[in-house]
């Protein structure tokens, strides 16, 4: 795999919509670069079936999971930002109001904030060839500026608390590493051993 050095002035973000759906789909199919999550289409926190069902659908790249995600886009329910290097999508971040991600409530560590009026960041993904260059940080900072323009006051995340030398694969930190959020001004709101709840006031 060849790493690609980039000029960050060429980066921009676009909202997930029907206009960007094809780019989102190509990104999650690994057609814009190497990824480890082919087939998930960023549906884990939206799919309300069992994890076993979700794993079966995504591992086999069942068309039903694509149709499920596209229906959420058409209905305006699912939200996220694609980060572009000129016209090429190289990173992704999912977000939404905390109330949208009801699946978070299945985990004891997240239940305390279930009724809070916050915007949740649930997923990150960066094409492998562009990692270790601050791409996720650039995406998060741009997203925070967009949140401010939308009038969002509080942003919440659920990163993995893990030292970089312990990470065997970037796929292990698909909710974002804690260091990423801390570098953008987030603070630990509720501490947990592996997945703390972090927040930033805008």
Protein backbone atom coordinates (compact mmCIF):
# COMPACT_ATOMS: atom_id res chain seq x y z
CA UNK A 1 0.00 0.00 0.00
CA UNK A 2 1.33 3.43 -0.97
CA UNK A 3 0.70 6.33 1.38
CA UNK A 4 -0.50 9.51 -0.34
CA UNK A 5 0.68 12.85 1.03
CA UNK A 6 -1.99 15.50 0.72
CA UNK A 7 -2.39 19.25 0.70
CA UNK A 8 -5.06 19.97 3.33
CA UNK A 9 -6.09 23.17 1.55
CA UNK A 10 -7.70 20.89 -1.06
CA UNK A 11 -10.06 19.33 1.50
CA UNK A 12 -13.78 20.07 1.79
CA UNK A 13 -16.83 18.41 3.33
CA UNK A 14 -20.30 17.63 2.05
CA UNK A 15 -23.39 16.38 3.86
CA UNK A 16 -24.71 12.92 3.15
CA UNK A 17 -27.71 13.36 0.86
CA UNK A 18 -29.16 11.85 -2.28
CA UNK A 19 -26.70 14.05 -4.17
CA UNK A 20 -23.72 12.46 -2.39
CA UNK A 21 -25.19 8.97 -1.96
CA UNK A 22 -23.14 7.47 -4.81
CA UNK A 23 -19.94 8.85 -3.29
CA UNK A 24 -20.90 7.48 0.13
CA UNK A 25 -21.61 4.07 -1.41
CA UNK A 26 -18.32 3.99 -3.33
CA UNK A 27 -16.42 5.01 -0.21
CA UNK A 28 -17.96 2.20 1.85
CA UNK A 29 -17.32 -0.32 -0.90
CA UNK A 30 -13.61 0.44 -0.92
CA UNK A 31 -13.66 1.90 -4.42
CA UNK A 32 -11.93 5.13 -3.31
CA UNK A 33 -9.15 3.36 -1.42
CA UNK A 34 -8.46 0.59 1.06
CA UNK A 35 -10.91 0.16 3.96
CA UNK A 36 -11.61 -2.64 6.44
CA UNK A 37 -15.35 -2.10 6.84
CA UNK A 38 -16.73 -3.02 3.41
CA UNK A 39 -20.38 -3.87 3.70
CA UNK A 40 -21.31 -1.99 6.88
CA UNK A 41 -22.44 1.27 5.21
CA UNK A 42 -22.24 2.90 8.66
CA UNK A 43 -25.43 1.23 9.88
CA UNK A 44 -24.35 -0.31 13.19
CA UNK A 45 -25.94 2.35 15.42
CA UNK A 46 -29.04 2.56 13.19
CA UNK A 47 -29.83 -1.13 12.72
CA UNK A 48 -32.16 -2.20 15.54
CA UNK A 49 -31.97 -5.95 14.95
CA UNK A 50 -29.51 -8.16 16.79
CA UNK A 51 -25.76 -7.83 16.33
CA UNK A 52 -25.78 -11.34 14.87
CA UNK A 53 -28.25 -10.24 12.19
CA UNK A 54 -26.22 -7.11 11.44
CA UNK A 55 -22.98 -9.08 11.18
CA UNK A 56 -24.55 -11.55 8.77
CA UNK A 57 -25.94 -8.78 6.56
CA UNK A 58 -22.74 -6.77 6.45
CA UNK A 59 -20.26 -9.62 6.16
CA UNK A 60 -22.12 -10.99 3.13
CA UNK A 61 -22.72 -7.47 1.77
CA UNK A 62 -26.40 -8.25 1.54
CA UNK A 63 -28.22 -5.73 -0.69
CA UNK A 64 -30.77 -5.33 2.12
CA UNK A 65 -28.29 -3.34 4.21
CA UNK A 66 -27.65 -0.98 1.28
CA UNK A 67 -31.38 -0.54 0.74
CA UNK A 68 -31.83 0.11 4.46
CA UNK A 69 -29.23 2.88 4.48
CA UNK A 70 -30.49 4.44 1.26
CA UNK A 71 -34.02 4.54 2.65
CA UNK A 72 -32.72 6.47 5.68
CA UNK A 73 -31.03 8.94 3.33
CA UNK A 74 -34.22 9.38 1.28
CA UNK A 75 -36.22 9.98 4.45
CA UNK A 76 -33.68 12.50 5.75
CA UNK A 77 -33.11 10.50 8.92
CA UNK A 78 -29.41 9.66 8.66
CA UNK A 79 -26.69 12.30 8.76
CA UNK A 80 -22.98 12.54 8.19
CA UNK A 81 -20.16 14.32 6.41
CA UNK A 82 -17.95 13.05 3.61
CA UNK A 83 -14.50 14.60 3.47
CA UNK A 84 -13.29 15.18 -0.07
CA UNK A 85 -9.82 15.59 -1.48
CA UNK A 86 -10.96 17.68 -4.43
CA UNK A 87 -13.60 15.31 -5.93
CA UNK A 88 -12.52 12.13 -4.14
CA UNK A 89 -14.21 11.12 -0.85
CA UNK A 90 -11.47 9.94 1.53
CA UNK A 91 -13.12 10.10 4.96
CA UNK A 92 -16.50 9.86 6.65
CA UNK A 93 -18.11 10.88 9.95
CA UNK A 94 -21.63 10.00 11.09
CA UNK A 95 -23.63 12.21 13.44
CA UNK A 96 -27.18 12.77 14.60
CA UNK A 97 -29.27 13.84 17.56
CA UNK A 98 -28.74 11.60 20.59
CA UNK A 99 -32.40 10.54 20.47
CA UNK A 100 -31.89 9.11 16.96
CA UNK A 101 -29.33 6.57 18.13
CA UNK A 102 -31.61 4.50 20.35
CA UNK A 103 -29.25 1.54 20.03
CA UNK A 104 -26.76 3.36 22.27
CA UNK A 105 -29.18 2.70 25.12
CA UNK A 106 -28.49 -1.03 24.90
CA UNK A 107 -25.13 -0.29 26.50
CA UNK A 108 -25.13 0.61 30.19
CA UNK A 109 -22.23 3.01 29.72
CA UNK A 110 -24.29 5.26 27.42
CA UNK A 111 -27.69 5.18 29.10
CA UNK A 112 -27.04 8.15 31.39
CA UNK A 113 -27.18 10.64 28.48
CA UNK A 114 -30.16 9.06 26.69
CA UNK A 115 -32.49 12.02 27.26
CA UNK A 116 -29.98 14.80 26.69
CA UNK A 117 -30.29 17.40 23.93
CA UNK A 118 -26.94 16.75 22.28
CA UNK A 119 -25.61 15.88 18.84
CA UNK A 120 -23.82 12.53 18.82
CA UNK A 121 -20.80 11.60 16.71
CA UNK A 122 -20.85 7.83 16.34
CA UNK A 123 -18.49 6.76 13.54
CA UNK A 124 -15.31 7.72 11.70
CA UNK A 125 -13.63 6.20 8.70
CA UNK A 126 -10.55 7.21 6.70
CA UNK A 127 -9.24 5.53 3.55
CA UNK A 128 -6.10 3.65 4.54
CA UNK A 129 -3.80 5.40 2.06
CA UNK A 130 -4.55 8.76 3.71
CA UNK A 131 -4.24 7.84 7.39
CA UNK A 132 -1.73 9.22 9.93
CA UNK A 133 -1.90 12.68 8.33
CA UNK A 134 -4.52 14.38 10.51
CA UNK A 135 -7.39 13.66 8.11
CA UNK A 136 -9.87 12.65 10.82
CA UNK A 137 -8.92 15.75 12.81
CA UNK A 138 -9.47 17.97 9.77
CA UNK A 139 -12.88 16.36 9.22
CA UNK A 140 -13.88 16.77 12.86
CA UNK A 141 -12.86 20.43 12.94
CA UNK A 142 -14.79 21.18 9.75
CA UNK A 143 -17.81 19.33 11.13
CA UNK A 144 -17.70 21.36 14.36
CA UNK A 145 -17.79 24.57 12.33
CA UNK A 146 -20.83 23.27 10.44
CA UNK A 147 -22.49 22.37 13.74
CA UNK A 148 -21.98 25.94 14.95
CA UNK A 149 -23.65 27.24 11.79
CA UNK A 150 -26.57 24.89 12.42
CA UNK A 151 -26.98 26.28 15.94
CA UNK A 152 -25.93 23.06 17.68
CA UNK A 153 -24.78 23.77 21.23
CA UNK A 154 -23.41 20.48 22.58
CA UNK A 155 -21.60 17.64 20.79
CA UNK A 156 -21.03 14.21 22.28
CA UNK A 157 -18.80 11.31 21.26
CA UNK A 158 -18.04 7.76 22.35
CA UNK A 159 -14.39 7.15 21.44
CA UNK A 160 -12.23 4.21 22.32
CA UNK A 161 -9.77 4.87 25.12
CA UNK A 162 -6.72 3.05 23.88
CA UNK A 163 -3.04 3.86 23.45
CA UNK A 164 -1.92 4.07 19.83
CA UNK A 165 0.69 1.35 20.36
CA UNK A 166 -2.08 -1.03 21.47
CA UNK A 167 -4.15 -0.62 18.32
CA UNK A 168 -3.65 -3.56 16.00
CA UNK A 169 -5.92 -2.12 13.33
CA UNK A 170 -7.43 1.31 12.68
CA UNK A 171 -10.70 -0.57 12.34
CA UNK A 172 -10.65 -0.97 16.14
CA UNK A 173 -11.27 2.75 16.63
CA UNK A 174 -14.21 3.29 14.29
CA UNK A 175 -15.90 5.42 16.97
CA UNK A 176 -12.80 7.58 16.94
CA UNK A 177 -9.78 7.43 19.24
CA UNK A 178 -10.03 9.50 22.43
CA UNK A 179 -6.93 11.49 21.43
CA UNK A 180 -8.71 12.77 18.31
CA UNK A 181 -11.53 14.32 20.30
CA UNK A 182 -9.29 15.72 23.03
CA UNK A 183 -7.17 17.45 20.38
CA UNK A 184 -10.31 19.28 19.21
CA UNK A 185 -11.33 20.54 22.64
CA UNK A 186 -13.60 17.76 23.87
CA UNK A 187 -13.53 16.77 27.53
CA UNK A 188 -14.43 13.54 29.28
CA UNK A 189 -18.01 13.85 30.52
CA UNK A 190 -18.53 10.34 31.88
CA UNK A 191 -15.43 8.20 32.28
CA UNK A 192 -15.47 4.51 31.45
CA UNK A 193 -12.64 2.03 31.22
CA UNK A 194 -12.76 1.63 27.44
CA UNK A 195 -15.43 3.90 25.95
CA UNK A 196 -15.87 7.20 27.81
CA UNK A 197 -18.58 9.70 26.92
CA UNK A 198 -16.95 12.96 25.85
CA UNK A 199 -18.47 16.38 25.15
CA UNK A 200 -17.73 19.78 23.69
CA UNK A 201 -19.76 22.95 24.11
CA UNK A 202 -19.91 25.09 20.96
